[in-house]
N, C-alpha and C. Protein backbone atom coordinates (compact mmCIF):
# COMPACT_ATOMS: atom_id res chain seq x y z
N MET A 1 2.42 0.83 -36.56
CA MET A 1 3.20 2.18 -37.26
C MET A 1 4.47 1.30 -37.29
N THR A 2 5.13 1.07 -38.50
CA THR A 2 6.31 0.69 -38.70
C THR A 2 7.25 1.26 -40.07
N ASP A 3 7.75 1.65 -39.71
CA ASP A 3 8.89 2.52 -40.28
C ASP A 3 10.29 1.65 -40.99
N GLU A 4 10.44 1.27 -41.95
CA GLU A 4 12.10 0.65 -41.94
C GLU A 4 12.98 1.95 -42.43
N VAL A 5 14.02 1.82 -41.81
CA VAL A 5 15.06 2.70 -41.81
C VAL A 5 16.03 2.28 -43.02
N GLU A 6 16.20 2.86 -43.93
CA GLU A 6 16.57 2.78 -45.32
C GLU A 6 18.13 2.79 -45.07
N VAL A 7 19.06 1.79 -45.71
CA VAL A 7 20.62 2.27 -45.51
C VAL A 7 21.10 3.19 -46.66
N GLU A 8 21.58 4.29 -46.64
CA GLU A 8 22.26 5.30 -47.32
C GLU A 8 23.06 5.19 -48.61
N ASP A 9 23.96 4.09 -48.34
CA ASP A 9 24.53 4.13 -49.42
C ASP A 9 23.94 3.03 -50.36
N GLY A 10 22.58 2.29 -50.27
CA GLY A 10 22.13 1.39 -51.43
C GLY A 10 22.59 -0.23 -50.54
N LEU A 11 23.31 -0.30 -49.81
CA LEU A 11 23.83 -1.87 -49.74
C LEU A 11 22.51 -2.41 -49.41
N ASN A 12 22.80 -3.86 -49.49
CA ASN A 12 21.54 -4.86 -49.00
C ASN A 12 21.68 -5.07 -47.80
N GLN A 13 20.86 -5.02 -46.58
CA GLN A 13 21.13 -5.39 -44.88
C GLN A 13 20.94 -6.46 -44.96
N LEU A 14 20.95 -7.39 -45.54
CA LEU A 14 20.55 -8.85 -45.54
C LEU A 14 21.68 -9.55 -45.87
N GLN A 15 23.17 -9.22 -45.87
CA GLN A 15 24.08 -9.49 -46.50
C GLN A 15 24.73 -10.11 -45.22
N PRO A 16 25.95 -11.43 -45.59
CA PRO A 16 26.35 -11.90 -44.60
C PRO A 16 27.66 -10.88 -44.19
N VAL A 17 27.81 -11.65 -42.77
CA VAL A 17 28.31 -10.48 -42.01
C VAL A 17 29.97 -10.77 -42.88
N GLU A 18 30.90 -9.77 -43.58
CA GLU A 18 32.07 -10.48 -44.00
C GLU A 18 33.31 -10.31 -42.84
N THR A 19 32.96 -9.21 -41.62
CA THR A 19 33.84 -9.19 -40.92
C THR A 19 34.05 -10.40 -39.33
N ASP A 20 32.62 -11.45 -39.59
CA ASP A 20 33.00 -12.30 -39.40
C ASP A 20 33.99 -13.40 -39.08
N GLY A 21 34.99 -13.19 -37.88
CA GLY A 21 36.24 -14.13 -38.05
C GLY A 21 35.84 -15.35 -37.59
N ASN A 22 35.12 -16.06 -36.79
CA ASN A 22 34.68 -17.38 -36.80
C ASN A 22 33.40 -18.01 -37.99
N TYR A 23 33.31 -17.49 -39.08
CA TYR A 23 32.72 -17.93 -40.13
C TYR A 23 32.82 -19.41 -40.45
N ASP A 24 34.14 -19.92 -40.84
CA ASP A 24 34.21 -21.05 -40.85
C ASP A 24 34.08 -22.10 -39.94
N GLU A 25 34.59 -21.77 -38.15
CA GLU A 25 33.87 -22.60 -37.47
C GLU A 25 32.45 -22.50 -37.25
N ARG A 26 31.87 -21.66 -37.63
CA ARG A 26 29.94 -21.75 -37.15
C ARG A 26 29.80 -22.65 -38.64
N ALA A 27 30.34 -22.54 -39.78
CA ALA A 27 29.84 -23.31 -40.89
C ALA A 27 30.07 -24.51 -40.58
N GLN A 28 31.58 -25.24 -40.19
CA GLN A 28 31.78 -26.10 -39.70
C GLN A 28 30.56 -26.99 -38.68
N LYS A 29 29.98 -26.38 -37.85
CA LYS A 29 29.38 -26.59 -36.50
C LYS A 29 28.03 -26.74 -37.32
N VAL A 30 27.41 -26.27 -38.13
CA VAL A 30 26.15 -26.33 -38.84
C VAL A 30 25.86 -27.59 -39.73
N LYS A 31 27.10 -28.04 -40.13
CA LYS A 31 27.92 -29.00 -40.85
C LYS A 31 27.40 -30.53 -40.29
N PHE A 32 28.50 -30.14 -39.21
CA PHE A 32 28.37 -31.31 -38.23
C PHE A 32 27.01 -31.51 -37.53
N ASN A 33 26.44 -30.50 -37.14
CA ASN A 33 24.90 -30.71 -36.63
C ASN A 33 23.80 -31.88 -37.55
N ASP A 34 23.74 -30.79 -38.82
CA ASP A 34 23.42 -31.77 -39.97
C ASP A 34 23.50 -33.17 -40.00
N LEU A 35 25.19 -33.41 -39.58
CA LEU A 35 25.37 -34.84 -39.88
C LEU A 35 24.76 -35.60 -38.84
N ILE A 36 24.87 -35.36 -37.93
CA ILE A 36 24.57 -35.93 -36.83
C ILE A 36 22.80 -35.81 -36.72
N ASP A 37 22.39 -35.11 -37.06
CA ASP A 37 20.77 -35.62 -37.36
C ASP A 37 20.64 -36.50 -37.92
N SER A 38 21.46 -36.49 -39.51
CA SER A 38 21.40 -37.59 -40.32
C SER A 38 21.31 -38.87 -39.90
N LYS A 39 22.23 -38.92 -39.01
CA LYS A 39 22.55 -40.13 -38.64
C LYS A 39 21.70 -40.53 -37.65
N PHE A 40 21.19 -40.34 -37.21
CA PHE A 40 20.17 -40.15 -36.25
C PHE A 40 18.45 -40.27 -36.98
N GLY A 41 18.58 -40.34 -38.38
CA GLY A 41 17.54 -40.72 -39.38
C GLY A 41 16.79 -38.94 -39.15
N PHE A 42 17.34 -37.70 -38.73
CA PHE A 42 16.22 -36.90 -39.12
C PHE A 42 17.04 -36.10 -40.04
N ASP A 43 16.41 -36.73 -41.39
CA ASP A 43 17.15 -35.71 -42.66
C ASP A 43 16.42 -34.59 -42.82
N ARG A 44 16.77 -32.99 -43.38
CA ARG A 44 16.16 -31.86 -43.46
C ARG A 44 15.05 -32.19 -44.79
N TYR A 45 13.52 -32.25 -44.25
CA TYR A 45 12.61 -32.05 -45.30
C TYR A 45 12.25 -30.72 -46.12
N THR A 46 12.64 -30.52 -47.14
CA THR A 46 12.72 -29.42 -48.22
C THR A 46 11.61 -29.83 -49.19
N GLY A 47 10.71 -30.61 -49.17
CA GLY A 47 9.50 -30.62 -50.13
C GLY A 47 8.41 -29.98 -49.78
N THR A 48 7.29 -29.73 -50.60
CA THR A 48 6.24 -29.26 -50.61
C THR A 48 4.82 -29.87 -50.40
N ALA A 49 5.30 -31.35 -50.58
CA ALA A 49 3.81 -32.00 -50.05
C ALA A 49 3.88 -31.92 -48.11
N GLY A 50 2.33 -31.94 -47.96
CA GLY A 50 1.94 -32.40 -46.63
C GLY A 50 2.26 -33.53 -45.65
N ARG A 51 2.90 -33.40 -44.85
CA ARG A 51 3.19 -34.98 -43.99
C ARG A 51 2.25 -34.87 -42.60
N ASP A 52 1.96 -36.06 -42.58
CA ASP A 52 1.44 -36.00 -41.01
C ASP A 52 2.20 -36.84 -40.49
N ALA A 53 2.55 -36.04 -38.87
CA ALA A 53 3.58 -36.53 -38.31
C ALA A 53 3.51 -35.74 -36.33
N TRP A 54 4.22 -36.62 -35.80
CA TRP A 54 4.17 -35.95 -34.78
C TRP A 54 5.07 -35.08 -34.24
N LEU A 55 5.22 -33.56 -33.95
CA LEU A 55 6.02 -32.95 -33.28
C LEU A 55 6.63 -33.47 -32.29
N ILE A 56 8.48 -33.80 -32.21
CA ILE A 56 8.63 -34.76 -31.15
C ILE A 56 9.74 -34.21 -30.27
N ASN A 57 10.14 -32.89 -30.97
CA ASN A 57 11.16 -32.01 -30.53
C ASN A 57 11.19 -30.62 -31.03
N PHE A 58 11.82 -29.70 -30.44
CA PHE A 58 12.77 -28.54 -31.33
C PHE A 58 13.70 -28.25 -30.48
N GLN A 59 14.58 -26.90 -30.94
CA GLN A 59 15.52 -26.70 -30.69
C GLN A 59 15.98 -25.71 -31.57
N PRO A 60 16.70 -24.46 -31.19
CA PRO A 60 17.46 -23.20 -32.18
C PRO A 60 18.65 -24.15 -32.84
N ALA A 61 18.81 -23.35 -33.83
CA ALA A 61 19.75 -24.12 -34.73
C ALA A 61 20.57 -22.76 -35.26
N GLU A 62 21.43 -23.30 -36.73
CA GLU A 62 21.70 -22.09 -38.01
C GLU A 62 21.88 -22.91 -38.79
N LEU A 63 21.61 -22.02 -40.05
CA LEU A 63 21.76 -22.64 -41.04
C LEU A 63 22.22 -21.70 -42.37
N ILE A 64 22.89 -22.61 -42.99
CA ILE A 64 23.79 -21.78 -44.19
C ILE A 64 22.63 -21.78 -45.40
N GLU A 65 22.68 -20.11 -45.50
CA GLU A 65 21.57 -19.88 -46.03
C GLU A 65 21.96 -20.22 -48.01
N GLU A 66 21.39 -20.62 -48.66
CA GLU A 66 21.62 -21.29 -50.25
C GLU A 66 22.34 -20.27 -51.03
N GLN A 67 21.38 -19.10 -51.16
CA GLN A 67 21.96 -18.45 -52.48
C GLN A 67 23.23 -17.33 -51.93
N THR A 68 23.20 -16.83 -50.51
CA THR A 68 24.04 -15.94 -50.32
C THR A 68 25.27 -16.69 -49.19
N LYS A 69 25.08 -17.58 -48.91
CA LYS A 69 25.99 -18.64 -48.35
C LYS A 69 26.04 -17.87 -46.39
N ALA A 70 25.37 -17.10 -46.44
CA ALA A 70 25.18 -16.09 -45.21
C ALA A 70 24.74 -17.31 -44.17
N ILE A 71 25.41 -17.42 -42.76
CA ILE A 71 24.68 -18.10 -41.47
C ILE A 71 23.60 -17.09 -40.77
N ILE A 72 22.35 -17.81 -40.91
CA ILE A 72 21.08 -17.38 -40.38
C ILE A 72 20.33 -18.55 -39.02
N SER A 73 20.14 -17.78 -38.24
CA SER A 73 19.08 -18.69 -37.15
C SER A 73 18.01 -19.28 -38.06
N ALA A 74 17.90 -20.45 -37.27
CA ALA A 74 16.33 -21.13 -37.57
C ALA A 74 16.01 -21.70 -35.99
N VAL A 75 15.19 -22.16 -36.26
CA VAL A 75 14.43 -23.72 -35.51
C VAL A 75 14.42 -24.88 -36.50
N ASP A 76 14.74 -25.71 -35.62
CA ASP A 76 14.94 -27.42 -36.32
C ASP A 76 13.26 -27.99 -35.59
N PHE A 77 12.55 -28.31 -36.10
CA PHE A 77 11.67 -29.24 -35.79
C PHE A 77 11.74 -30.63 -35.97
N TYR A 78 11.70 -31.57 -34.92
CA TYR A 78 11.82 -32.79 -35.17
C TYR A 78 10.46 -33.36 -35.14
N PHE A 79 10.08 -34.43 -36.28
CA PHE A 79 9.09 -35.32 -36.24
C PHE A 79 8.96 -36.79 -36.34
N ILE A 80 7.92 -37.35 -35.83
CA ILE A 80 8.26 -38.64 -36.27
C ILE A 80 6.22 -39.03 -37.21
N GLN A 81 6.63 -39.76 -38.08
CA GLN A 81 5.13 -40.56 -38.96
C GLN A 81 4.73 -41.32 -38.17
N GLY A 82 3.71 -41.69 -38.74
CA GLY A 82 3.14 -43.09 -37.97
C GLY A 82 3.75 -44.16 -38.55
N ASN A 83 4.31 -44.19 -39.74
CA ASN A 83 5.15 -45.56 -40.12
C ASN A 83 6.67 -44.94 -39.46
N GLY A 84 7.01 -44.48 -38.46
CA GLY A 84 8.10 -44.66 -38.26
C GLY A 84 9.37 -43.55 -38.84
N GLU A 85 8.81 -43.48 -40.01
CA GLU A 85 10.06 -42.22 -40.61
C GLU A 85 9.96 -40.77 -39.67
N ARG A 86 11.09 -40.57 -39.84
CA ARG A 86 11.43 -39.58 -39.20
C ARG A 86 12.14 -38.23 -40.35
N PHE A 87 11.79 -37.05 -39.79
CA PHE A 87 12.32 -36.19 -40.35
C PHE A 87 12.37 -34.56 -39.66
N LYS A 88 13.03 -33.49 -40.01
CA LYS A 88 13.11 -32.39 -39.42
C LYS A 88 12.85 -31.22 -40.49
N ILE A 89 12.70 -30.15 -40.02
CA ILE A 89 12.02 -29.58 -40.93
C ILE A 89 12.78 -27.61 -40.19
N SER A 90 13.59 -26.93 -41.10
CA SER A 90 13.98 -25.90 -40.23
C SER A 90 13.09 -24.36 -40.67
N TYR A 91 13.03 -24.05 -39.60
CA TYR A 91 12.12 -22.62 -39.97
C TYR A 91 13.17 -21.49 -39.53
N PRO A 92 13.37 -20.63 -40.83
CA PRO A 92 14.30 -19.40 -39.85
C PRO A 92 14.00 -18.28 -40.08
N PHE A 93 14.25 -17.76 -38.86
CA PHE A 93 13.68 -16.58 -38.68
C PHE A 93 14.84 -15.71 -37.93
N ARG A 94 14.78 -14.31 -38.00
CA ARG A 94 15.26 -13.32 -37.58
C ARG A 94 15.52 -12.74 -36.19
N PRO A 95 16.25 -12.99 -35.28
CA PRO A 95 16.53 -12.91 -33.97
C PRO A 95 16.04 -11.13 -33.69
N TYR A 96 16.07 -10.36 -32.67
CA TYR A 96 15.20 -9.49 -32.66
C TYR A 96 15.83 -9.16 -30.88
N PHE A 97 15.77 -7.60 -30.40
CA PHE A 97 15.20 -7.10 -29.44
C PHE A 97 14.83 -5.72 -29.72
N TYR A 98 14.23 -5.27 -28.65
CA TYR A 98 13.95 -3.70 -28.58
C TYR A 98 14.93 -2.89 -27.89
N ILE A 99 14.85 -1.58 -28.56
CA ILE A 99 15.61 -0.77 -27.48
C ILE A 99 14.92 0.56 -27.50
N SER A 100 14.39 1.58 -26.38
CA SER A 100 13.99 2.38 -26.65
C SER A 100 15.07 4.29 -26.28
N ALA A 101 14.92 4.93 -27.44
CA ALA A 101 15.60 6.00 -27.10
C ALA A 101 14.84 7.41 -26.61
N SER A 102 15.59 8.49 -26.23
CA SER A 102 14.87 9.73 -25.98
C SER A 102 13.97 10.13 -26.76
N ASP A 103 12.56 10.55 -26.39
CA ASP A 103 11.77 10.94 -27.01
C ASP A 103 12.38 12.00 -28.15
N GLY A 104 11.63 11.59 -29.25
CA GLY A 104 12.13 12.52 -30.73
C GLY A 104 13.33 12.20 -30.99
N ALA A 105 14.01 11.04 -30.69
CA ALA A 105 15.56 11.07 -31.26
C ALA A 105 15.66 9.40 -31.88
N GLU A 106 14.67 9.29 -32.05
CA GLU A 106 14.61 7.53 -32.56
C GLU A 106 15.22 7.09 -34.07
N HIS A 107 14.67 8.85 -34.49
CA HIS A 107 15.26 8.73 -36.44
C HIS A 107 16.25 8.32 -36.46
N GLN A 108 17.42 9.64 -35.24
CA GLN A 108 18.88 9.61 -35.18
C GLN A 108 19.29 8.30 -34.61
N VAL A 109 18.83 7.72 -33.96
CA VAL A 109 19.30 6.68 -33.45
C VAL A 109 19.08 5.35 -34.38
N ALA A 110 18.28 5.64 -34.74
CA ALA A 110 18.27 4.31 -36.16
C ALA A 110 19.10 4.60 -37.19
N SER A 111 19.24 6.38 -37.25
CA SER A 111 20.10 6.15 -39.05
C SER A 111 21.29 5.87 -38.43
N PHE A 112 21.98 5.96 -36.83
CA PHE A 112 23.16 6.05 -36.50
C PHE A 112 23.69 4.44 -35.87
N LEU A 113 22.45 3.36 -36.03
CA LEU A 113 22.73 2.33 -35.80
C LEU A 113 22.75 1.44 -37.09
N THR A 114 21.75 2.13 -37.94
CA THR A 114 22.21 1.20 -39.25
C THR A 114 23.53 1.39 -40.15
N LYS A 115 23.86 3.15 -39.93
CA LYS A 115 25.24 3.42 -40.33
C LYS A 115 26.38 2.23 -39.82
N LYS A 116 26.19 2.16 -38.50
CA LYS A 116 27.39 1.25 -37.80
C LYS A 116 27.05 -0.06 -37.87
N TYR A 117 25.91 -0.45 -38.06
CA TYR A 117 25.80 -1.99 -38.60
C TYR A 117 25.09 -2.30 -39.42
N GLY A 118 24.79 -1.63 -40.53
CA GLY A 118 24.16 -1.85 -41.91
C GLY A 118 24.26 -2.80 -42.49
N GLY A 119 25.40 -3.80 -42.56
CA GLY A 119 25.52 -5.02 -43.31
C GLY A 119 24.89 -5.91 -42.71
N PHE A 120 24.42 -5.94 -41.74
CA PHE A 120 23.48 -7.04 -41.34
C PHE A 120 22.35 -6.69 -40.39
N LEU A 121 21.75 -5.41 -40.02
CA LEU A 121 21.04 -4.81 -38.96
C LEU A 121 20.05 -4.27 -40.15
N VAL A 122 18.98 -4.40 -39.34
CA VAL A 122 17.31 -3.96 -40.14
C VAL A 122 16.93 -3.75 -38.55
N VAL A 123 16.56 -2.46 -38.86
CA VAL A 123 16.07 -1.44 -37.98
C VAL A 123 14.73 -1.20 -38.36
N ASP A 124 13.36 -1.11 -37.13
CA ASP A 124 12.33 -0.81 -37.66
C ASP A 124 11.70 -0.34 -36.22
N ILE A 125 11.24 0.92 -36.99
CA ILE A 125 10.58 2.18 -35.69
C ILE A 125 9.02 1.29 -35.20
N MET A 126 8.60 0.85 -34.38
CA MET A 126 7.29 0.65 -33.97
C MET A 126 6.97 1.36 -32.40
N ASP A 127 5.42 1.33 -32.47
CA ASP A 127 4.65 2.09 -31.04
C ASP A 127 4.77 0.33 -30.83
N LYS A 128 4.72 0.83 -29.21
CA LYS A 128 4.33 -0.83 -28.33
C LYS A 128 3.73 0.22 -27.11
N GLU A 129 3.08 -1.01 -26.46
CA GLU A 129 2.75 -0.59 -25.14
C GLU A 129 4.07 -0.77 -24.09
N ASP A 130 4.53 0.45 -23.04
CA ASP A 130 5.23 0.20 -22.03
C ASP A 130 4.85 -0.33 -21.05
N LEU A 131 5.24 -1.55 -20.66
CA LEU A 131 4.72 -1.99 -19.74
C LEU A 131 5.64 -1.51 -18.39
N ASP A 132 6.52 -0.41 -18.66
CA ASP A 132 7.15 -0.10 -17.22
C ASP A 132 6.26 0.72 -16.56
N LEU A 133 5.35 1.49 -17.59
CA LEU A 133 4.52 2.43 -17.09
C LEU A 133 3.71 2.31 -15.57
N LYS A 134 3.53 2.90 -14.85
CA LYS A 134 2.67 2.76 -13.91
C LYS A 134 1.01 2.55 -14.22
N ASN A 135 0.50 3.24 -14.93
CA ASN A 135 -0.90 3.24 -15.44
C ASN A 135 -0.14 1.97 -17.21
N HIS A 136 0.39 1.55 -17.36
CA HIS A 136 0.68 0.58 -18.68
C HIS A 136 -0.89 0.14 -19.44
N LEU A 137 -1.86 -0.30 -18.32
CA LEU A 137 -2.93 -0.80 -18.62
C LEU A 137 -3.99 0.28 -19.61
N SER A 138 -3.56 1.54 -19.52
CA SER A 138 -4.50 2.41 -20.38
C SER A 138 -4.14 2.34 -21.86
N GLY A 139 -3.24 1.88 -22.49
CA GLY A 139 -3.16 1.74 -23.82
C GLY A 139 -2.61 2.91 -24.47
N LEU A 140 -1.08 3.50 -23.60
CA LEU A 140 -0.57 4.52 -23.87
C LEU A 140 0.48 3.79 -24.64
N LYS A 141 0.92 4.41 -25.88
CA LYS A 141 1.91 3.60 -27.12
C LYS A 141 3.39 4.53 -26.44
N LYS A 142 4.76 3.59 -26.92
CA LYS A 142 5.80 4.18 -26.87
C LYS A 142 6.57 4.11 -28.11
N THR A 143 7.45 4.80 -29.02
CA THR A 143 8.18 4.55 -29.51
C THR A 143 9.58 3.57 -29.31
N TYR A 144 9.55 2.54 -29.95
CA TYR A 144 11.05 1.55 -29.48
C TYR A 144 11.44 1.41 -30.91
N LEU A 145 12.92 0.81 -31.06
CA LEU A 145 13.31 0.82 -32.07
C LEU A 145 13.55 -0.99 -31.58
N LYS A 146 13.26 -1.45 -33.01
CA LYS A 146 13.23 -3.28 -33.08
C LYS A 146 14.47 -3.62 -34.05
N LEU A 147 15.28 -4.12 -33.50
CA LEU A 147 16.78 -4.09 -34.18
C LEU A 147 16.89 -5.90 -34.11
N SER A 148 16.71 -6.27 -35.65
CA SER A 148 16.39 -7.84 -36.11
C SER A 148 17.91 -8.04 -36.64
N PHE A 149 18.45 -9.20 -36.55
CA PHE A 149 19.74 -9.48 -36.77
C PHE A 149 19.50 -11.13 -37.94
N PRO A 150 20.80 -11.50 -38.60
CA PRO A 150 20.39 -12.79 -39.05
C PRO A 150 20.57 -13.75 -38.28
N SER A 151 21.09 -13.94 -37.41
CA SER A 151 21.49 -14.89 -36.05
C SER A 151 21.87 -14.48 -35.19
N THR A 152 22.25 -15.01 -33.95
CA THR A 152 22.31 -14.47 -32.26
C THR A 152 23.38 -14.44 -32.35
N SER A 153 24.66 -14.68 -33.11
CA SER A 153 25.75 -14.20 -33.02
C SER A 153 25.65 -12.65 -33.16
N GLU A 154 25.41 -12.42 -34.12
CA GLU A 154 25.54 -10.99 -34.53
C GLU A 154 24.65 -10.18 -33.23
N LEU A 155 23.34 -10.83 -32.97
CA LEU A 155 22.61 -9.86 -31.67
C LEU A 155 23.78 -9.57 -30.78
N ALA A 156 24.18 -10.97 -30.45
CA ALA A 156 25.13 -10.83 -29.32
C ALA A 156 26.33 -9.62 -29.32
N LYS A 157 26.59 -9.71 -30.37
CA LYS A 157 27.60 -8.78 -30.80
C LYS A 157 27.15 -7.34 -30.45
N VAL A 158 26.30 -6.88 -31.04
CA VAL A 158 26.00 -5.77 -31.19
C VAL A 158 25.10 -5.17 -29.50
N ARG A 159 25.00 -6.63 -28.95
CA ARG A 159 23.86 -6.17 -27.75
C ARG A 159 25.43 -5.71 -26.75
N ARG A 160 26.32 -6.27 -27.18
CA ARG A 160 27.63 -6.18 -25.84
C ARG A 160 28.22 -4.57 -26.48
N ASP A 161 27.91 -4.28 -27.59
CA ASP A 161 28.49 -3.21 -27.86
C ASP A 161 27.61 -1.60 -27.57
N LEU A 162 25.73 -2.48 -27.20
CA LEU A 162 24.99 -1.29 -26.85
C LEU A 162 24.95 -1.28 -25.17
N MET A 163 25.52 -2.33 -24.71
CA MET A 163 25.14 -2.28 -23.42
C MET A 163 26.03 -1.22 -22.36
N PRO A 164 27.10 -1.13 -22.87
CA PRO A 164 27.57 0.13 -21.87
C PRO A 164 26.90 1.43 -22.04
N HIS A 165 26.61 1.63 -23.02
CA HIS A 165 25.85 3.20 -23.67
C HIS A 165 24.62 3.31 -22.74
N ILE A 166 23.80 1.89 -22.77
CA ILE A 166 22.55 2.02 -22.33
C ILE A 166 22.56 2.05 -20.64
N ARG A 167 23.81 1.81 -19.82
CA ARG A 167 23.69 1.58 -18.31
C ARG A 167 24.08 2.84 -17.94
N LYS A 168 24.88 3.61 -18.84
CA LYS A 168 25.71 5.01 -18.81
C LYS A 168 24.19 6.15 -18.99
N ASN A 169 23.35 6.17 -19.78
CA ASN A 169 22.38 6.92 -20.01
C ASN A 169 21.01 6.30 -19.00
N LYS A 170 21.10 4.97 -18.81
CA LYS A 170 20.00 4.72 -17.26
C LYS A 170 20.46 5.55 -15.83
N GLU A 171 21.89 5.39 -15.69
CA GLU A 171 22.55 5.94 -14.41
C GLU A 171 22.30 7.71 -14.92
N ARG A 172 22.51 8.69 -15.83
CA ARG A 172 22.33 9.75 -15.64
C ARG A 172 20.89 10.07 -16.17
N VAL A 173 19.73 9.49 -16.53
CA VAL A 173 18.37 9.70 -16.08
C VAL A 173 18.18 9.45 -14.63
N LYS A 174 18.34 8.50 -14.10
CA LYS A 174 18.13 8.35 -12.90
C LYS A 174 18.79 9.43 -11.69
N LYS A 175 19.79 9.93 -12.28
CA LYS A 175 20.80 11.32 -11.45
C LYS A 175 19.82 12.44 -11.39
N GLU A 176 19.15 12.62 -13.03
CA GLU A 176 18.48 13.97 -13.19
C GLU A 176 16.91 14.01 -12.57
N SER A 177 16.70 12.38 -12.64
CA SER A 177 15.12 12.15 -12.00
C SER A 177 15.05 12.87 -10.28
N GLN A 178 16.28 12.41 -9.95
CA GLN A 178 16.90 12.77 -8.20
C GLN A 178 17.02 13.96 -7.97
N TYR A 179 18.06 14.66 -9.03
CA TYR A 179 18.16 16.12 -8.81
C TYR A 179 16.52 16.76 -8.82
N CYS A 180 15.82 16.20 -9.66
CA CYS A 180 14.56 17.00 -10.12
C CYS A 180 13.61 16.95 -8.73
N SER A 181 13.96 15.59 -8.31
CA SER A 181 12.88 15.21 -6.90
C SER A 181 13.14 16.05 -5.84
N TYR A 182 14.80 16.04 -5.34
CA TYR A 182 15.26 17.06 -4.64
C TYR A 182 14.85 18.71 -4.76
N LEU A 183 14.63 19.04 -5.99
CA LEU A 183 14.69 20.32 -6.19
C LEU A 183 13.00 20.29 -5.78
N ALA A 184 12.74 20.02 -5.76
CA ALA A 184 10.88 19.91 -5.89
C ALA A 184 10.48 19.94 -4.13
N ARG A 185 11.61 19.51 -3.33
CA ARG A 185 10.70 19.62 -1.95
C ARG A 185 10.81 20.84 -1.61
């Protein structure tokens, strides 16, 4: 089950973050890293023809998307061919993490997060196995929110914003369960 939460005001969810204060610095770093790779002979291969080569390294990177000029996360794969020619391929991806909401409150949390971070956040509601359960091998599913971002910078920002609330809610649930176990004695 995957439900993508839509933005109510119709904004495109994949827009660059306009409030990114260090966009210019990040863009300079992307260009500098490409220049260093080029000096070592690893130019980005964008052709469609297949090439036979050995993968020698990979690392996380960021790209500037051609059409929107947004900075997105990617993985750079470095290859060397049999004749010694070198090249790299950049594979874009959207970093993500899962959060759990109270049962029945998933859509409200998804709606709130989409309104607050709607310019770059994509929220998917998914059923996953909860590995924290004692009987997690029984196949019971729990509903989680998958939050995906254009780059790790936005992921870190949202994570920093959410962690105090998550800690507070965990403490509240822990106190409630301790109180209930005390009453059950």
